[in-house]
C-alpha atoms as a PDB file:
ATOM      1  CA  MET A   1       0.000   0.000   0.000  1.00  0.00           C
ATOM      2  CA  ALA A   2       3.031   2.280   0.213  1.00  0.00           C
ATOM      3  CA  LEU A   3       4.112   4.602  -2.532  1.00  0.00           C
ATOM      4  CA  PRO A   4       6.970   3.230  -4.654  1.00  0.00           C
ATOM      5  CA  LEU A   5      10.143   3.573  -2.607  1.00  0.00           C
ATOM      6  CA  THR A   6      12.797   5.931  -3.919  1.00  0.00           C
ATOM      7  CA  ASN A   7      15.512   4.058  -2.010  1.00  0.00           C
ATOM      8  CA  GLN A   8      15.344   0.459  -0.863  1.00  0.00           C
ATOM      9  CA  PRO A   9      15.604  -0.204   2.886  1.00  0.00           C
ATOM     10  CA  PRO A  10      18.789  -1.647   4.406  1.00  0.00           C
ATOM     11  CA  PRO A  11      18.874  -5.429   4.893  1.00  0.00           C
ATOM     12  CA  THR A  12      17.276  -6.518   8.169  1.00  0.00           C
ATOM     13  CA  SER A  13      16.988  -9.641  10.296  1.00  0.00           C
ATOM     14  CA  PHE A  14      15.966  -8.313  13.737  1.00  0.00           C
ATOM     15  CA  LEU A  15      13.416  -5.931  12.229  1.00  0.00           C
ATOM     16  CA  LYS A  16      10.534  -6.859   9.938  1.00  0.00           C
ATOM     17  CA  LEU A  17       9.369  -4.015   7.687  1.00  0.00           C
ATOM     18  CA  ALA A  18       5.877  -3.592   6.240  1.00  0.00           C
ATOM     19  CA  TYR A  19       3.820  -0.824   4.650  1.00  0.00           C
ATOM     20  CA  PRO A  20       0.243  -1.023   6.026  1.00  0.00           C
ATOM     21  CA  ALA A  21      -0.926   2.258   4.448  1.00  0.00           C
ATOM     22  CA  PRO A  22       0.369   4.896   2.027  1.00  0.00           C
ATOM     23  CA  ARG A  23       3.373   6.771   3.467  1.00  0.00           C
ATOM     24  CA  VAL A  24       3.347   4.532   6.577  1.00  0.00           C
ATOM     25  CA  LEU A  25       6.192   2.220   7.607  1.00  0.00           C
ATOM     26  CA  GLN A  26       5.624  -0.540  10.185  1.00  0.00           C
ATOM     27  CA  ILE A  27       8.725  -1.703  12.071  1.00  0.00           C
ATOM     28  CA  THR A  28       8.370  -4.925  14.053  1.00  0.00           C
ATOM     29  CA  MET A  29      11.083  -6.039  16.483  1.00  0.00           C
ATOM     30  CA  SER A  30      11.202  -9.769  15.889  1.00  0.00           C
ATOM     31  CA  ARG A  31      13.413 -11.599  18.406  1.00  0.00           C
ATOM     32  CA  GLU A  32      10.235 -13.063  19.852  1.00  0.00           C
ATOM     33  CA  LYS A  33      11.848 -15.993  21.694  1.00  0.00           C
ATOM     34  CA  ASP A  34      14.188 -13.486  23.405  1.00  0.00           C
ATOM     35  CA  LEU A  35      11.288 -11.145  24.248  1.00  0.00           C
ATOM     36  CA  ASN A  36      12.432  -8.795  21.470  1.00  0.00           C
ATOM     37  CA  CYS A  37      15.514  -7.724  23.408  1.00  0.00           C
ATOM     38  CA  THR A  38      18.190  -5.856  21.447  1.00  0.00           C
ATOM     39  CA  ASN A  39      21.797  -6.939  21.039  1.00  0.00           C
ATOM     40  CA  ALA A  40      24.563  -4.856  19.459  1.00  0.00           C
ATOM     41  CA  ALA A  41      23.732  -6.070  15.931  1.00  0.00           C
ATOM     42  CA  ALA A  42      20.072  -5.147  16.415  1.00  0.00           C
ATOM     43  CA  ILE A  43      21.012  -1.647  17.585  1.00  0.00           C
ATOM     44  CA  LEU A  44      23.044  -1.058  14.426  1.00  0.00           C
ATOM     45  CA  GLU A  45      20.196  -2.434  12.302  1.00  0.00           C
ATOM     46  CA  MET A  46      17.693  -0.120  13.961  1.00  0.00           C
ATOM     47  CA  THR A  47      20.030   2.832  13.431  1.00  0.00           C
ATOM     48  CA  ALA A  48      20.284   2.076   9.710  1.00  0.00           C
ATOM     49  CA  VAL A  49      16.510   1.639   9.315  1.00  0.00           C
ATOM     50  CA  TYR A  50      15.649   4.899  11.098  1.00  0.00           C
ATOM     51  CA  ARG A  51      18.162   6.846   9.024  1.00  0.00           C
ATOM     52  CA  TRP A  52      16.770   5.321   5.825  1.00  0.00           C
ATOM     53  CA  PHE A  53      13.209   6.115   6.978  1.00  0.00           C
ATOM     54  CA  ASP A  54      14.101   9.774   7.618  1.00  0.00           C
ATOM     55  CA  ALA A  55      15.683  10.072   4.173  1.00  0.00           C
ATOM     56  CA  GLU A  56      12.998   8.154   2.209  1.00  0.00           C
ATOM     57  CA  PRO A  57      10.664  10.729   0.587  1.00  0.00           C
ATOM     58  CA  SER A  58       7.746   8.288   0.135  1.00  0.00           C
ATOM     59  CA  LEU A  59       7.369   7.752   3.908  1.00  0.00           C
ATOM     60  CA  THR A  60       6.008  10.189   6.511  1.00  0.00           C
ATOM     61  CA  VAL A  61       5.409   8.228   9.725  1.00  0.00           C
ATOM     62  CA  ALA A  62       6.489   4.919  11.262  1.00  0.00           C
ATOM     63  CA  ILE A  63       4.851   2.462  13.668  1.00  0.00           C
ATOM     64  CA  LEU A  64       7.116   0.573  16.080  1.00  0.00           C
ATOM     65  CA  THR A  65       5.873  -2.658  17.672  1.00  0.00           C
ATOM     66  CA  GLY A  66       7.082  -6.051  18.868  1.00  0.00           C
ATOM     67  CA  ALA A  67       6.497  -9.515  17.465  1.00  0.00           C
ATOM     68  CA  GLY A  68       4.189 -11.822  19.395  1.00  0.00           C
ATOM     69  CA  LYS A  69       1.900 -11.012  22.298  1.00  0.00           C
ATOM     70  CA  ARG A  70       4.251 -11.122  25.290  1.00  0.00           C
ATOM     71  CA  SER A  71       6.716  -8.350  24.633  1.00  0.00           C
ATOM     72  CA  PHE A  72       7.140  -5.019  22.906  1.00  0.00           C
ATOM     73  CA  SER A  73      10.803  -5.096  23.941  1.00  0.00           C
ATOM     74  CA  THR A  74      12.607  -6.033  27.132  1.00  0.00           C
ATOM     75  CA  GLY A  75      15.593  -3.859  26.273  1.00  0.00           C
ATOM     76  CA  ALA A  76      19.251  -4.788  26.044  1.00  0.00           C
ATOM     77  CA  ASP A  77      20.433  -8.363  25.608  1.00  0.00           C
ATOM     78  CA  LEU A  78      21.921  -8.788  29.099  1.00  0.00           C
ATOM     79  CA  LYS A  79      23.566 -12.125  28.239  1.00  0.00           C
ATOM     80  CA  GLU A  80      25.582 -10.476  25.482  1.00  0.00           C
ATOM     81  CA  TRP A  81      26.292  -7.464  27.690  1.00  0.00           C
ATOM     82  CA  ASN A  82      27.555  -9.678  30.536  1.00  0.00           C
ATOM     83  CA  ALA A  83      29.808 -11.603  28.152  1.00  0.00           C
ATOM     84  CA  LYS A  84      31.319  -8.395  26.773  1.00  0.00           C
ATOM     85  CA  VAL A  85      31.950  -6.990  30.251  1.00  0.00           C
ATOM     86  CA  ALA A  86      33.621 -10.246  31.298  1.00  0.00           C
ATOM     87  CA  GLU A  87      35.760 -10.271  28.156  1.00  0.00           C
ATOM     88  CA  ALA A  88      36.844  -6.666  28.696  1.00  0.00           C
ATOM     89  CA  ARG A  89      37.809  -7.335  32.316  1.00  0.00           C
ATOM     90  CA  ALA A  90      39.708 -10.500  31.368  1.00  0.00           C
ATOM     91  CA  GLN A  91      41.712  -8.500  28.830  1.00  0.00           C
ATOM     92  CA  GLY A  92      42.357  -5.652  31.237  1.00  0.00           C
ATOM     93  CA  ARG A  93      40.216  -3.237  29.263  1.00  0.00           C
ATOM     94  CA  ASP A  94      37.719  -0.702  30.601  1.00  0.00           C
ATOM     95  CA  PRO A  95      34.285  -2.389  30.445  1.00  0.00           C
ATOM     96  CA  ALA A  96      32.472   0.958  30.365  1.00  0.00           C
ATOM     97  CA  GLY A  97      31.723   0.743  26.647  1.00  0.00           C
ATOM     98  CA  ALA A  98      30.444  -2.820  26.624  1.00  0.00           C
ATOM     99  CA  GLY A  99      26.733  -1.949  26.581  1.00  0.00           C
ATOM    100  CA  PRO A 100      24.826  -2.381  23.284  1.00  0.00           C
ATOM    101  CA  GLY A 101      23.929   1.304  23.182  1.00  0.00           C
ATOM    102  CA  ASN A 102      27.630   2.185  23.088  1.00  0.00           C
ATOM    103  CA  VAL A 103      28.153   0.690  19.632  1.00  0.00           C
ATOM    104  CA  ALA A 104      29.928   3.279  17.497  1.00  0.00           C
ATOM    105  CA  GLY A 105      27.473   5.254  15.378  1.00  0.00           C
ATOM    106  CA  ALA A 106      24.402   3.735  17.049  1.00  0.00           C
ATOM    107  CA  GLU A 107      21.203   5.764  17.335  1.00  0.00           C
ATOM    108  CA  ALA A 108      18.319   3.459  18.145  1.00  0.00           C
ATOM    109  CA  MET A 109      14.855   4.629  19.210  1.00  0.00           C
ATOM    110  CA  SER A 110      15.855   5.253  22.833  1.00  0.00           C
ATOM    111  CA  ASN A 111      18.173   8.094  21.818  1.00  0.00           C
ATOM    112  CA  ARG A 112      16.956   8.867  18.297  1.00  0.00           C
ATOM    113  CA  ARG A 113      16.441  12.478  17.299  1.00  0.00           C
ATOM    114  CA  GLY A 114      15.440  11.969  13.665  1.00  0.00           C
ATOM    115  CA  LYS A 115      12.990  14.176  11.803  1.00  0.00           C
ATOM    116  CA  LYS A 116       9.898  12.006  11.230  1.00  0.00           C
ATOM    117  CA  PRO A 117       7.398  10.821  13.873  1.00  0.00           C
ATOM    118  CA  VAL A 118       7.223   7.305  15.279  1.00  0.00           C
ATOM    119  CA  VAL A 119       4.054   5.821  16.803  1.00  0.00           C
ATOM    120  CA  ALA A 120       4.681   3.119  19.413  1.00  0.00           C
ATOM    121  CA  ALA A 121       2.198   0.222  19.442  1.00  0.00           C
ATOM    122  CA  VAL A 122       3.080  -1.403  22.760  1.00  0.00           C
ATOM    123  CA  ASN A 123       1.801  -4.974  22.672  1.00  0.00           C
ATOM    124  CA  GLY A 124       3.278  -6.415  25.868  1.00  0.00           C
ATOM    125  CA  MET A 125       6.223  -5.843  28.200  1.00  0.00           C
ATOM    126  CA  ALA A 126       8.161  -2.610  27.607  1.00  0.00           C
ATOM    127  CA  LEU A 127      10.993  -2.957  30.085  1.00  0.00           C
ATOM    128  CA  GLY A 128      14.442  -1.398  30.417  1.00  0.00           C
ATOM    129  CA  GLY A 129      15.591  -0.176  27.025  1.00  0.00           C
ATOM    130  CA  GLY A 130      12.208  -1.167  25.606  1.00  0.00           C
ATOM    131  CA  CYS A 131      10.568   1.341  27.931  1.00  0.00           C
ATOM    132  CA  GLU A 132      13.244   3.894  27.000  1.00  0.00           C
ATOM    133  CA  ASN A 133      12.153   3.440  23.377  1.00  0.00           C
ATOM    134  CA  VAL A 134       8.553   4.198  24.342  1.00  0.00           C
ATOM    135  CA  ILE A 135       9.496   7.339  26.268  1.00  0.00           C
ATOM    136  CA  ASN A 136      11.158   8.761  23.140  1.00  0.00           C
ATOM    137  CA  CYS A 137       8.353   7.886  20.695  1.00  0.00           C
ATOM    138  CA  ASP A 138       6.065  10.686  19.484  1.00  0.00           C
ATOM    139  CA  ILE A 139       2.722   8.951  20.112  1.00  0.00           C
ATOM    140  CA  VAL A 140       2.192   5.877  22.297  1.00  0.00           C
ATOM    141  CA  LEU A 141      -0.699   3.431  21.982  1.00  0.00           C
ATOM    142  CA  ALA A 142      -0.788   0.517  24.393  1.00  0.00           C
ATOM    143  CA  SER A 143      -2.579  -2.789  24.612  1.00  0.00           C
ATOM    144  CA  GLU A 144      -4.628  -3.272  27.768  1.00  0.00           C
ATOM    145  CA  THR A 145      -2.156  -6.021  28.684  1.00  0.00           C
ATOM    146  CA  ALA A 146       0.987  -3.903  28.168  1.00  0.00           C
ATOM    147  CA  THR A 147       3.311  -3.151  31.076  1.00  0.00           C
ATOM    148  CA  PHE A 148       6.091  -0.582  31.479  1.00  0.00           C
ATOM    149  CA  GLY A 149       9.175  -0.444  33.659  1.00  0.00           C
ATOM    150  CA  LEU A 150      12.632   1.142  33.860  1.00  0.00           C
ATOM    151  CA  VAL A 151      13.997  -1.934  35.600  1.00  0.00           C
ATOM    152  CA  GLU A 152      17.691  -1.143  35.065  1.00  0.00           C
ATOM    153  CA  VAL A 153      18.297  -0.385  38.766  1.00  0.00           C
ATOM    154  CA  LYS A 154      17.283  -3.948  39.656  1.00  0.00           C
ATOM    155  CA  ARG A 155      20.197  -5.208  37.542  1.00  0.00           C
ATOM    156  CA  GLY A 156      22.772  -2.770  38.886  1.00  0.00           C
ATOM    157  CA  LEU A 157      22.393  -0.595  35.779  1.00  0.00           C
ATOM    158  CA  ALA A 158      20.871   2.802  34.990  1.00  0.00           C
ATOM    159  CA  PRO A 159      19.049   4.214  31.945  1.00  0.00           C
ATOM    160  CA  TYR A 160      21.717   6.155  30.043  1.00  0.00           C
ATOM    161  CA  SER A 161      20.266   7.011  26.621  1.00  0.00           C
ATOM    162  CA  GLY A 162      18.275  10.109  27.566  1.00  0.00           C
ATOM    163  CA  ALA A 163      15.183   8.435  29.030  1.00  0.00           C
ATOM    164  CA  LEU A 164      15.473  10.028  32.474  1.00  0.00           C
ATOM    165  CA  PRO A 165      15.427  13.731  31.529  1.00  0.00           C
ATOM    166  CA  ARG A 166      12.716  12.987  28.939  1.00  0.00           C
ATOM    167  CA  LEU A 167      10.684  11.148  31.570  1.00  0.00           C
ATOM    168  CA  ILE A 168      10.826  14.148  33.935  1.00  0.00           C
ATOM    169  CA  ARG A 169       9.445  16.396  31.203  1.00  0.00           C
ATOM    170  CA  THR A 170       6.663  13.923  30.427  1.00  0.00           C
ATOM    171  CA  VAL A 171       5.446  12.744  33.839  1.00  0.00           C
ATOM    172  CA  GLY A 172       7.065  15.157  36.333  1.00  0.00           C
ATOM    173  CA  LEU A 173       9.914  14.723  38.804  1.00  0.00           C
ATOM    174  CA  GLN A 174       8.098  12.823  41.563  1.00  0.00           C
ATOM    175  CA  ARG A 175       6.560  10.217  39.261  1.00  0.00           C
ATOM    176  CA  ALA A 176       9.856   9.884  37.385  1.00  0.00           C
ATOM    177  CA  ASN A 177      11.573   9.203  40.719  1.00  0.00           C
ATOM    178  CA  GLU A 178       8.921   6.663  41.681  1.00  0.00           C
ATOM    179  CA  PHE A 179       9.279   4.914  38.344  1.00  0.00           C
ATOM    180  CA  ALA A 180      13.047   4.932  37.856  1.00  0.00           C
ATOM    181  CA  LEU A 181      14.381   4.677  41.436  1.00  0.00           C
ATOM    182  CA  THR A 182      12.222   1.700  42.382  1.00  0.00           C
ATOM    183  CA  GLY A 183      12.286  -0.121  39.047  1.00  0.00           C
ATOM    184  CA  LYS A 184       8.570  -0.751  39.521  1.00  0.00           C
ATOM    185  CA  ILE A 185       6.435  -2.078  36.673  1.00  0.00           C
ATOM    186  CA  ILE A 186       3.232  -0.204  35.905  1.00  0.00           C
ATOM    187  CA  SER A 187       0.140  -1.101  33.897  1.00  0.00           C
ATOM    188  CA  ALA A 188      -0.967   0.464  30.630  1.00  0.00           C
ATOM    189  CA  GLN A 189      -3.752   2.264  32.486  1.00  0.00           C
ATOM    190  CA  THR A 190      -1.324   3.791  34.982  1.00  0.00           C
ATOM    191  CA  ALA A 191       0.978   4.828  32.123  1.00  0.00           C
ATOM    192  CA  PHE A 192      -2.028   6.500  30.502  1.00  0.00           C
ATOM    193  CA  GLU A 193      -2.928   8.328  33.708  1.00  0.00           C
ATOM    194  CA  TRP A 194       0.669   9.539  34.036  1.00  0.00           C
ATOM    195  CA  GLY A 195       0.666  10.901  30.466  1.00  0.00           C
ATOM    196  CA  LEU A 196       3.150   8.373  29.081  1.00  0.00           C
ATOM    197  CA  VAL A 197       0.495   6.697  26.879  1.00  0.00           C
ATOM    198  CA  ASN A 198      -1.969   8.434  24.550  1.00  0.00           C
ATOM    199  CA  LYS A 199      -4.574   5.664  24.435  1.00  0.00           C
ATOM    200  CA  VAL A 200      -5.163   2.151  25.798  1.00  0.00           C
ATOM    201  CA  VAL A 201      -6.907  -0.278  23.443  1.00  0.00           C
ATOM    202  CA  PRO A 202      -7.894  -3.978  23.409  1.00  0.00           C
ATOM    203  CA  PRO A 203      -5.017  -6.229  22.295  1.00  0.00           C
ATOM    204  CA  ASP A 204      -6.732  -7.349  19.096  1.00  0.00           C
ATOM    205  CA  ARG A 205      -7.247  -3.733  17.992  1.00  0.00           C
ATOM    206  CA  LEU A 206      -3.767  -2.366  18.761  1.00  0.00           C
ATOM    207  CA  LEU A 207      -2.221  -2.416  15.296  1.00  0.00           C
ATOM    208  CA  GLU A 208      -5.476  -1.375  13.656  1.00  0.00           C
ATOM    209  CA  GLU A 209      -5.579   1.647  15.962  1.00  0.00           C
ATOM    210  CA  ALA A 210      -1.901   2.444  15.354  1.00  0.00           C
ATOM    211  CA  VAL A 211      -2.384   2.352  11.589  1.00  0.00           C
ATOM    212  CA  ALA A 212      -5.408   4.650  11.899  1.00  0.00           C
ATOM    213  CA  TRP A 213      -3.374   7.221  13.867  1.00  0.00           C
ATOM    214  CA  ALA A 214      -0.466   6.895  11.424  1.00  0.00           C
ATOM    215  CA  LYS A 215      -2.765   7.331   8.405  1.00  0.00           C
ATOM    216  CA  GLU A 216      -4.162  10.526   9.911  1.00  0.00           C
ATOM    217  CA  ILE A 217      -0.615  11.905  10.151  1.00  0.00           C
ATOM    218  CA  ALA A 218       0.411  10.561   6.732  1.00  0.00           C
ATOM    219  CA  ASP A 219      -2.495  12.389   5.064  1.00  0.00           C
ATOM    220  CA  ILE A 220      -0.935  15.741   6.008  1.00  0.00           C
ATOM    221  CA  SER A 221       1.862  17.627   4.246  1.00  0.00           C
ATOM    222  CA  PRO A 222       5.110  15.799   5.034  1.00  0.00           C
ATOM    223  CA  ASP A 223       6.890  19.138   5.348  1.00  0.00           C
ATOM    224  CA  SER A 224       4.345  20.374   7.889  1.00  0.00           C
ATOM    225  CA  ILE A 225       4.728  17.168   9.916  1.00  0.00           C
ATOM    226  CA  ILE A 226       8.526  17.427   9.976  1.00  0.00           C
ATOM    227  CA  CYS A 227       8.440  21.131  10.863  1.00  0.00           C
ATOM    228  CA  THR A 228       5.775  20.783  13.570  1.00  0.00           C
ATOM    229  CA  ARG A 229       7.515  17.795  15.165  1.00  0.00           C
ATOM    230  CA  ALA A 230      10.828  19.659  15.185  1.00  0.00           C
ATOM    231  CA  MET A 231       9.182  22.590  16.977  1.00  0.00           C
ATOM    232  CA  LEU A 232       7.591  20.285  19.552  1.00  0.00           C
ATOM    233  CA  ARG A 233      10.852  18.439  20.153  1.00  0.00           C
ATOM    234  CA  GLU A 234      12.836  21.657  20.478  1.00  0.00           C
ATOM    235  CA  GLY A 235      10.390  22.828  23.118  1.00  0.00           C
ATOM    236  CA  TRP A 236      10.679  19.463  24.898  1.00  0.00           C
ATOM    237  CA  THR A 237      14.467  19.553  25.058  1.00  0.00           C
ATOM    238  CA  THR A 238      15.148  23.315  25.321  1.00  0.00           C
ATOM    239  CA  ALA A 239      14.249  24.863  28.652  1.00  0.00           C
ATOM    240  CA  ASP A 240      13.469  28.357  27.386  1.00  0.00           C
ATOM    241  CA  VAL A 241      10.297  28.720  25.291  1.00  0.00           C
ATOM    242  CA  VAL A 242      11.516  31.780  23.388  1.00  0.00           C
ATOM    243  CA  GLU A 243      14.868  30.164  22.604  1.00  0.00           C
ATOM    244  CA  ALA A 244      13.195  26.973  21.400  1.00  0.00           C
ATOM    245  CA  THR A 245      10.831  28.977  19.173  1.00  0.00           C
ATOM    246  CA  ASN A 246      13.647  31.044  17.696  1.00  0.00           C
ATOM    247  CA  ILE A 247      15.709  27.926  16.933  1.00  0.00           C
ATOM    248  CA  SER A 248      12.829  26.212  15.123  1.00  0.00           C
ATOM    249  CA  ASN A 249      11.704  29.361  13.297  1.00  0.00           C
ATOM    250  CA  GLY A 250      15.190  29.923  11.942  1.00  0.00           C
ATOM    251  CA  ARG A 251      15.528  26.345  10.794  1.00  0.00           C
ATOM    252  CA  GLU A 252      12.489  24.151   9.956  1.00  0.00           C
ATOM    253  CA  TRP A 253       9.894  26.959   9.676  1.00  0.00           C
ATOM    254  CA  LYS A 254      12.163  28.947   7.362  1.00  0.00           C
ATOM    255  CA  GLU A 255      12.561  25.943   5.057  1.00  0.00           C
ATOM    256  CA  LEU A 256       8.866  25.054   5.231  1.00  0.00           C
ATOM    257  CA  GLN A 257       7.940  28.429   3.762  1.00  0.00           C
ATOM    258  CA  LYS A 258      10.190  27.840   0.737  1.00  0.00           C
ATOM    259  CA  GLY A 259       8.555  24.544  -0.188  1.00  0.00           C
ATOM    260  CA  GLU A 260       5.900  23.642  -2.709  1.00  0.00           C
ATOM    261  CA  ASN A 261       3.780  21.842  -0.103  1.00  0.00           C
ATOM    262  CA  MET A 262       3.065  25.055   1.802  1.00  0.00           C
ATOM    263  CA  GLN A 263       2.011  26.778  -1.416  1.00  0.00           C
ATOM    264  CA  GLU A 264      -0.128  23.770  -2.338  1.00  0.00           C
ATOM    265  CA  GLY A 265      -1.880  23.889   1.046  1.00  0.00           C
ATOM    266  CA  LEU A 266      -2.756  27.551   0.596  1.00  0.00           C
ATOM    267  CA  ARG A 267      -3.941  27.030  -2.994  1.00  0.00           C
ATOM    268  CA  ALA A 268      -6.083  24.047  -2.034  1.00  0.00           C
ATOM    269  CA  PHE A 269      -7.765  26.036   0.735  1.00  0.00           C
ATOM    270  CA  ASN A 270      -8.637  28.868  -1.639  1.00  0.00           C
ATOM    271  CA  GLU A 271      -9.777  26.461  -4.356  1.00  0.00           C
ATOM    272  CA  LYS A 272     -11.845  24.439  -1.828  1.00  0.00           C
ATOM    273  CA  ARG A 273     -10.240  21.084  -2.653  1.00  0.00           C
ATOM    274  CA  LYS A 274      -8.111  18.457  -0.938  1.00  0.00           C
ATOM    275  CA  PRO A 275      -4.364  19.206  -1.127  1.00  0.00           C
ATOM    276  CA  ARG A 276      -2.138  17.088  -3.361  1.00  0.00           C
ATOM    277  CA  TRP A 277       1.056  16.826  -1.339  1.00  0.00           C
ATOM    278  CA  GLY A 278       4.424  16.225  -2.924  1.00  0.00           C
ATOM    279  CA  GLY A 279       7.576  14.816  -1.369  1.00  0.00           C
ATOM    280  CA  PRO A 280       9.132  16.607   1.598  1.00  0.00           C
ATOM    281  CA  ARG A 281      11.488  19.550   1.197  1.00  0.00           C
ATOM    282  CA  LEU A 282      12.740  19.321   4.769  1.00  0.00           C
END
């Protein structure tokens, strides 16, 4: 159902790619027997896919989900991590860079900036790095059976890919402390009440609902989506409202005004017809 791709996606094994609607990419984490945990190879694969997605003009929005019913993602592959730490110590090397997120050039969902929105469809456990992925997604839909937890502290670890400052901005300091310092696991309903989840839906309707939200975004000018998301993200990460506005206005908004899609939107309004969007300028 997607438009013809301008550039083919990178080869994948951990991720399964599909195109459930025009301009929509579905990314499924597919290490189901390992609860969709991510090893170093998976992190590099995710980095390549997200960079391709941002550059591919036929795609506007992505959906991220996990294979099976049990797990969205349980985060880092701790068996691999333990083996790499042990190897580093045995060789007298500093084990500090042994974690999967420290792979050179890696930018998975937990620390992705990117330019296009990602909708999380959380179908089961979102724990550790899997929960970090959710915190950094743009819209989060959750199955009624989904659960969330930053459980790193229970393994002697700590979230280190930006989840903690993002979490404070999303749910507030006290709830962030409750969540991250205890490693507690919360339900989809609690995550919704805290503002971490946009909507809770029955398990059998999760992907259908995610595609519907993605289609609503994909029907809009891709330039407007990129520009608006950049402004939202700048406000999320920059403390000062005026500074964040000035940064975005001098960058994405400036480029938006030069593009054909903005002119098409104005023409379509005056001609009382549906806009015919072209590829993104931004």
